[in-house]
Amino acid sequence: MPKHDPRVDAYIAQSADFAQPILAYLRELIHGACPETEEAIKWGMPAFLYRGKILCGIAAFKRHCALGFWGGRGLIGNEDKRGDAMGQFGRIASLKDLPSKKMLIDNIQQAMKFSEERAMAPVTPRKPPKPVPATPDDLAAALKKSKKAQTTFDAFSPSCKREYVEWICDAKREETRAKRIAQAIEWMIEGKQRNWRYL
């Protein structure tokens, strides 16, 4: 029995009249080719999960639908269809725009195989974060004078600490450095990161 999500039912029901039969057809085809699939809503659109990972998704727009496979480059038979549309099959405005049922099933099965291969691939270790540079003596002295600024600085992530330290150390003149330390303490008292304006 396919695992249907009522949110996908609602998505299809709220889609344009032309889109409903396309989405319903693709939904049933995906469940038929991959009985293990589970439905979800991802980025506001129906998605089909295979062993907990996104296999493919469908979407409806004002004048067309889309079918896209997660990591679907290299799937058979759809190399030149995309154009400016989402997914690998271009703008799907009617059932006639879809490739054959056999080709779609082949794509679903191939996407399942790719998903299994990705799951078996060794995990590439992430690079360790850059170490936080030592806190300069003048900044450390200013932090000691303000318990609130010190608490904020101590709670920052290594990258947030690094941004403050590098900003202060990059000052060319002593008066600029002193102004930056004063500004840093003021911002930290308010709980702000160095680049708080851009967050």
C-alpha atoms as a PDB file:
ATOM      1  CA  MET A   1       0.000   0.000   0.000  1.00  0.00           C
ATOM      2  CA  PRO A   2       1.574   3.332  -1.017  1.00  0.00           C
ATOM      3  CA  LYS A   3       2.361   5.749   1.796  1.00  0.00           C
ATOM      4  CA  HIS A   4       0.386   8.829   0.801  1.00  0.00           C
ATOM      5  CA  ASP A   5       0.814  12.122   2.635  1.00  0.00           C
ATOM      6  CA  PRO A   6      -2.381  14.197   2.946  1.00  0.00           C
ATOM      7  CA  ARG A   7      -0.324  17.326   2.275  1.00  0.00           C
ATOM      8  CA  VAL A   8       0.467  15.959  -1.188  1.00  0.00           C
ATOM      9  CA  ASP A   9      -3.263  15.274  -1.713  1.00  0.00           C
ATOM     10  CA  ALA A  10      -3.931  18.925  -0.810  1.00  0.00           C
ATOM     11  CA  TYR A  11      -1.121  20.180  -3.079  1.00  0.00           C
ATOM     12  CA  ILE A  12      -2.540  18.307  -6.070  1.00  0.00           C
ATOM     13  CA  ALA A  13      -6.115  19.421  -5.304  1.00  0.00           C
ATOM     14  CA  GLN A  14      -5.016  23.071  -5.109  1.00  0.00           C
ATOM     15  CA  SER A  15      -3.061  22.921  -8.376  1.00  0.00           C
ATOM     16  CA  ALA A  16      -4.430  24.206 -11.685  1.00  0.00           C
ATOM     17  CA  ASP A  17      -6.874  21.953 -13.527  1.00  0.00           C
ATOM     18  CA  PHE A  18      -4.339  21.053 -16.248  1.00  0.00           C
ATOM     19  CA  ALA A  19      -1.757  20.066 -13.582  1.00  0.00           C
ATOM     20  CA  GLN A  20      -3.864  17.706 -11.485  1.00  0.00           C
ATOM     21  CA  PRO A  21      -3.864  14.712 -13.867  1.00  0.00           C
ATOM     22  CA  ILE A  22      -0.128  15.138 -14.534  1.00  0.00           C
ATOM     23  CA  LEU A  23       0.745  15.224 -10.840  1.00  0.00           C
ATOM     24  CA  ALA A  24      -1.582  12.320 -10.017  1.00  0.00           C
ATOM     25  CA  TYR A  25      -0.116  10.229 -12.850  1.00  0.00           C
ATOM     26  CA  LEU A  26       3.478  10.924 -11.781  1.00  0.00           C
ATOM     27  CA  ARG A  27       2.664  10.216  -8.146  1.00  0.00           C
ATOM     28  CA  GLU A  28       1.214   6.796  -8.906  1.00  0.00           C
ATOM     29  CA  LEU A  29       4.003   5.962 -11.351  1.00  0.00           C
ATOM     30  CA  ILE A  30       6.646   6.793  -8.740  1.00  0.00           C
ATOM     31  CA  HIS A  31       4.895   4.629  -6.136  1.00  0.00           C
ATOM     32  CA  GLY A  32       4.557   1.802  -8.677  1.00  0.00           C
ATOM     33  CA  ALA A  33       8.233   1.876  -9.655  1.00  0.00           C
ATOM     34  CA  CYS A  34       9.475   2.389  -6.087  1.00  0.00           C
ATOM     35  CA  PRO A  35       7.036   0.800  -3.630  1.00  0.00           C
ATOM     36  CA  GLU A  36       9.279   1.812  -0.698  1.00  0.00           C
ATOM     37  CA  THR A  37       8.855   5.515  -1.450  1.00  0.00           C
ATOM     38  CA  GLU A  38       7.454   7.816   1.207  1.00  0.00           C
ATOM     39  CA  GLU A  39       5.914  11.200   0.503  1.00  0.00           C
ATOM     40  CA  ALA A  40       6.825  14.527   2.049  1.00  0.00           C
ATOM     41  CA  ILE A  41       6.668  18.217   1.305  1.00  0.00           C
ATOM     42  CA  LYS A  42      10.063  19.812   0.700  1.00  0.00           C
ATOM     43  CA  TRP A  43      10.460  23.462  -0.272  1.00  0.00           C
ATOM     44  CA  GLY A  44       6.665  23.642  -0.551  1.00  0.00           C
ATOM     45  CA  MET A  45       6.456  20.885  -3.204  1.00  0.00           C
ATOM     46  CA  PRO A  46       5.766  17.141  -3.121  1.00  0.00           C
ATOM     47  CA  ALA A  47       8.894  15.051  -2.665  1.00  0.00           C
ATOM     48  CA  PHE A  48       9.352  11.294  -2.746  1.00  0.00           C
ATOM     49  CA  LEU A  49      11.833   9.776  -0.319  1.00  0.00           C
ATOM     50  CA  TYR A  50      13.663   6.512  -0.808  1.00  0.00           C
ATOM     51  CA  ARG A  51      15.274   5.091   2.329  1.00  0.00           C
ATOM     52  CA  GLY A  52      15.054   8.476   3.985  1.00  0.00           C
ATOM     53  CA  LYS A  53      16.689  10.419   1.129  1.00  0.00           C
ATOM     54  CA  ILE A  54      15.016  12.527  -1.547  1.00  0.00           C
ATOM     55  CA  LEU A  55      14.572  10.495  -4.726  1.00  0.00           C
ATOM     56  CA  CYS A  56      12.564  12.967  -6.797  1.00  0.00           C
ATOM     57  CA  GLY A  57       9.998  15.721  -6.632  1.00  0.00           C
ATOM     58  CA  ILE A  58       7.061  17.054  -8.601  1.00  0.00           C
ATOM     59  CA  ALA A  59       5.761  20.603  -8.835  1.00  0.00           C
ATOM     60  CA  ALA A  60       2.977  22.598 -10.458  1.00  0.00           C
ATOM     61  CA  PHE A  61       3.310  26.128 -11.735  1.00  0.00           C
ATOM     62  CA  LYS A  62       0.875  28.452 -13.509  1.00  0.00           C
ATOM     63  CA  ARG A  63       1.291  26.858 -16.940  1.00  0.00           C
ATOM     64  CA  HIS A  64       3.440  23.790 -16.514  1.00  0.00           C
ATOM     65  CA  CYS A  65       4.538  21.031 -14.174  1.00  0.00           C
ATOM     66  CA  ALA A  66       7.991  19.702 -13.397  1.00  0.00           C
ATOM     67  CA  LEU A  67       9.550  16.385 -12.440  1.00  0.00           C
ATOM     68  CA  GLY A  68      13.036  16.436 -11.015  1.00  0.00           C
ATOM     69  CA  PHE A  69      15.335  13.728  -9.702  1.00  0.00           C
ATOM     70  CA  TRP A  70      17.682  14.496  -6.837  1.00  0.00           C
ATOM     71  CA  GLY A  71      21.179  14.315  -8.295  1.00  0.00           C
ATOM     72  CA  GLY A  72      19.542  13.364 -11.599  1.00  0.00           C
ATOM     73  CA  ARG A  73      22.286  14.348 -14.008  1.00  0.00           C
ATOM     74  CA  GLY A  74      23.052  11.440 -16.250  1.00  0.00           C
ATOM     75  CA  LEU A  75      19.636   9.835 -16.141  1.00  0.00           C
ATOM     76  CA  ILE A  76      18.767   8.263 -19.466  1.00  0.00           C
ATOM     77  CA  GLY A  77      16.765   9.971 -22.141  1.00  0.00           C
ATOM     78  CA  ASN A  78      16.448  13.499 -20.807  1.00  0.00           C
ATOM     79  CA  GLU A  79      19.701  15.189 -21.742  1.00  0.00           C
ATOM     80  CA  ASP A  80      18.238  18.043 -23.814  1.00  0.00           C
ATOM     81  CA  LYS A  81      14.762  18.490 -22.323  1.00  0.00           C
ATOM     82  CA  ARG A  82      15.363  20.800 -19.378  1.00  0.00           C
ATOM     83  CA  GLY A  83      15.608  24.199 -21.051  1.00  0.00           C
ATOM     84  CA  ASP A  84      14.697  26.907 -18.546  1.00  0.00           C
ATOM     85  CA  ALA A  85      12.393  24.706 -16.443  1.00  0.00           C
ATOM     86  CA  MET A  86      13.018  23.041 -13.125  1.00  0.00           C
ATOM     87  CA  GLY A  87      13.718  19.300 -13.224  1.00  0.00           C
ATOM     88  CA  GLN A  88      15.119  17.147 -15.990  1.00  0.00           C
ATOM     89  CA  PHE A  89      12.110  16.968 -18.307  1.00  0.00           C
ATOM     90  CA  GLY A  90      11.435  20.592 -19.190  1.00  0.00           C
ATOM     91  CA  ARG A  91       7.981  22.162 -19.089  1.00  0.00           C
ATOM     92  CA  ILE A  92       5.280  19.534 -18.751  1.00  0.00           C
ATOM     93  CA  ALA A  93       1.967  21.121 -19.771  1.00  0.00           C
ATOM     94  CA  SER A  94       0.098  17.895 -20.537  1.00  0.00           C
ATOM     95  CA  LEU A  95       0.542  14.141 -20.204  1.00  0.00           C
ATOM     96  CA  LYS A  96       1.732  14.109 -23.833  1.00  0.00           C
ATOM     97  CA  ASP A  97       4.823  16.103 -22.785  1.00  0.00           C
ATOM     98  CA  LEU A  98       6.032  13.261 -20.599  1.00  0.00           C
ATOM     99  CA  PRO A  99       8.406  10.594 -21.877  1.00  0.00           C
ATOM    100  CA  SER A 100       7.106   7.048 -22.159  1.00  0.00           C
ATOM    101  CA  LYS A 101       6.054   5.165 -19.050  1.00  0.00           C
ATOM    102  CA  LYS A 102       8.952   2.747 -19.588  1.00  0.00           C
ATOM    103  CA  MET A 103      11.478   5.587 -19.730  1.00  0.00           C
ATOM    104  CA  LEU A 104      10.070   7.166 -16.569  1.00  0.00           C
ATOM    105  CA  ILE A 105      10.205   3.842 -14.730  1.00  0.00           C
ATOM    106  CA  ASP A 106      13.791   3.318 -15.955  1.00  0.00           C
ATOM    107  CA  ASN A 107      14.688   6.783 -14.635  1.00  0.00           C
ATOM    108  CA  ILE A 108      13.086   6.084 -11.257  1.00  0.00           C
ATOM    109  CA  GLN A 109      14.945   2.782 -10.938  1.00  0.00           C
ATOM    110  CA  GLN A 110      18.200   4.368 -12.043  1.00  0.00           C
ATOM    111  CA  ALA A 111      17.703   7.183  -9.499  1.00  0.00           C
ATOM    112  CA  MET A 112      17.127   4.538  -6.806  1.00  0.00           C
ATOM    113  CA  LYS A 113      20.423   2.906  -7.779  1.00  0.00           C
ATOM    114  CA  PHE A 114      22.245   6.284  -7.658  1.00  0.00           C
ATOM    115  CA  SER A 115      20.729   6.911  -4.224  1.00  0.00           C
ATOM    116  CA  GLU A 116      21.966   3.532  -2.957  1.00  0.00           C
ATOM    117  CA  GLU A 117      25.448   4.198  -4.382  1.00  0.00           C
ATOM    118  CA  ARG A 118      25.571   7.614  -2.676  1.00  0.00           C
ATOM    119  CA  ALA A 119      24.521   6.000   0.608  1.00  0.00           C
ATOM    120  CA  MET A 120      27.331   3.431   0.307  1.00  0.00           C
ATOM    121  CA  ALA A 121      29.999   5.969  -0.672  1.00  0.00           C
ATOM    122  CA  PRO A 122      32.522   6.789   2.046  1.00  0.00           C
ATOM    123  CA  VAL A 123      31.836  10.051   3.817  1.00  0.00           C
ATOM    124  CA  THR A 124      34.376  12.728   3.007  1.00  0.00           C
ATOM    125  CA  PRO A 125      35.589  14.163   6.301  1.00  0.00           C
ATOM    126  CA  ARG A 126      35.020  17.859   6.741  1.00  0.00           C
ATOM    127  CA  LYS A 127      38.010  20.095   7.209  1.00  0.00           C
ATOM    128  CA  PRO A 128      38.507  21.044  10.830  1.00  0.00           C
ATOM    129  CA  PRO A 129      37.666  24.682  11.535  1.00  0.00           C
ATOM    130  CA  LYS A 130      40.496  27.155  11.613  1.00  0.00           C
ATOM    131  CA  PRO A 131      41.775  27.626  15.145  1.00  0.00           C
ATOM    132  CA  VAL A 132      40.825  30.848  16.895  1.00  0.00           C
ATOM    133  CA  PRO A 133      43.787  33.206  17.024  1.00  0.00           C
ATOM    134  CA  ALA A 134      44.974  34.089  20.495  1.00  0.00           C
ATOM    135  CA  THR A 135      43.071  36.973  22.042  1.00  0.00           C
ATOM    136  CA  PRO A 136      45.335  40.043  21.925  1.00  0.00           C
ATOM    137  CA  ASP A 137      46.362  41.410  25.341  1.00  0.00           C
ATOM    138  CA  ASP A 138      44.620  44.778  24.841  1.00  0.00           C
ATOM    139  CA  LEU A 139      41.327  43.091  23.879  1.00  0.00           C
ATOM    140  CA  ALA A 140      41.640  40.650  26.808  1.00  0.00           C
ATOM    141  CA  ALA A 141      42.188  43.591  29.184  1.00  0.00           C
ATOM    142  CA  ALA A 142      39.110  45.393  27.821  1.00  0.00           C
ATOM    143  CA  LEU A 143      37.026  42.235  28.149  1.00  0.00           C
ATOM    144  CA  LYS A 144      38.081  41.858  31.813  1.00  0.00           C
ATOM    145  CA  LYS A 145      36.584  45.299  32.515  1.00  0.00           C
ATOM    146  CA  SER A 146      33.145  44.230  31.232  1.00  0.00           C
ATOM    147  CA  LYS A 147      31.682  41.006  32.565  1.00  0.00           C
ATOM    148  CA  LYS A 148      28.828  41.143  30.025  1.00  0.00           C
ATOM    149  CA  ALA A 149      31.200  41.580  27.049  1.00  0.00           C
ATOM    150  CA  GLN A 150      33.413  38.754  28.373  1.00  0.00           C
ATOM    151  CA  THR A 151      30.399  36.428  28.724  1.00  0.00           C
ATOM    152  CA  THR A 152      29.266  37.244  25.171  1.00  0.00           C
ATOM    153  CA  PHE A 153      32.775  36.740  23.753  1.00  0.00           C
ATOM    154  CA  ASP A 154      33.165  33.415  25.576  1.00  0.00           C
ATOM    155  CA  ALA A 155      29.830  32.187  24.153  1.00  0.00           C
ATOM    156  CA  PHE A 156      30.748  33.066  20.553  1.00  0.00           C
ATOM    157  CA  SER A 157      31.598  30.330  18.066  1.00  0.00           C
ATOM    158  CA  PRO A 158      35.254  30.118  16.990  1.00  0.00           C
ATOM    159  CA  SER A 159      34.458  31.932  13.721  1.00  0.00           C
ATOM    160  CA  CYS A 160      32.730  34.822  15.553  1.00  0.00           C
ATOM    161  CA  LYS A 161      35.718  35.209  17.883  1.00  0.00           C
ATOM    162  CA  ARG A 162      38.077  35.082  14.899  1.00  0.00           C
ATOM    163  CA  GLU A 163      36.154  37.899  13.137  1.00  0.00           C
ATOM    164  CA  TYR A 164      36.600  40.235  16.110  1.00  0.00           C
ATOM    165  CA  VAL A 165      40.252  39.317  16.696  1.00  0.00           C
ATOM    166  CA  GLU A 166      41.203  39.690  13.031  1.00  0.00           C
ATOM    167  CA  TRP A 167      39.326  43.000  12.719  1.00  0.00           C
ATOM    168  CA  ILE A 168      41.198  44.420  15.699  1.00  0.00           C
ATOM    169  CA  CYS A 169      44.587  43.022  14.637  1.00  0.00           C
ATOM    170  CA  ASP A 170      44.157  44.387  11.087  1.00  0.00           C
ATOM    171  CA  ALA A 171      44.162  47.979  12.344  1.00  0.00           C
ATOM    172  CA  LYS A 172      47.234  49.825  11.058  1.00  0.00           C
ATOM    173  CA  ARG A 173      47.378  52.569  13.700  1.00  0.00           C
ATOM    174  CA  GLU A 174      47.141  52.362  17.484  1.00  0.00           C
ATOM    175  CA  GLU A 175      44.255  54.873  17.673  1.00  0.00           C
ATOM    176  CA  THR A 176      42.288  52.833  15.098  1.00  0.00           C
ATOM    177  CA  ARG A 177      42.953  49.682  17.108  1.00  0.00           C
ATOM    178  CA  ALA A 178      41.796  51.385  20.324  1.00  0.00           C
ATOM    179  CA  LYS A 179      38.578  52.583  18.600  1.00  0.00           C
ATOM    180  CA  ARG A 180      37.906  49.092  17.289  1.00  0.00           C
ATOM    181  CA  ILE A 181      38.375  47.553  20.725  1.00  0.00           C
ATOM    182  CA  ALA A 182      35.988  50.123  22.250  1.00  0.00           C
ATOM    183  CA  GLN A 183      33.447  49.429  19.486  1.00  0.00           C
ATOM    184  CA  ALA A 184      33.868  45.669  19.903  1.00  0.00           C
ATOM    185  CA  ILE A 185      33.210  45.882  23.657  1.00  0.00           C
ATOM    186  CA  GLU A 186      30.111  48.021  23.041  1.00  0.00           C
ATOM    187  CA  TRP A 187      28.741  45.528  20.514  1.00  0.00           C
ATOM    188  CA  MET A 188      29.531  42.533  22.707  1.00  0.00           C
ATOM    189  CA  ILE A 189      27.728  44.162  25.672  1.00  0.00           C
ATOM    190  CA  GLU A 190      24.701  44.270  23.333  1.00  0.00           C
ATOM    191  CA  GLY A 191      25.319  40.594  22.416  1.00  0.00           C
ATOM    192  CA  LYS A 192      26.246  41.406  18.820  1.00  0.00           C
ATOM    193  CA  GLN A 193      28.584  39.529  16.502  1.00  0.00           C
ATOM    194  CA  ARG A 194      31.182  41.485  14.565  1.00  0.00           C
ATOM    195  CA  ASN A 195      29.136  41.475  11.339  1.00  0.00           C
ATOM    196  CA  TRP A 196      25.742  41.835  13.059  1.00  0.00           C
ATOM    197  CA  ARG A 197      24.541  44.373  10.471  1.00  0.00           C
ATOM    198  CA  TYR A 198      24.612  41.720   7.745  1.00  0.00           C
ATOM    199  CA  LEU A 199      22.826  38.931   9.628  1.00  0.00           C
END
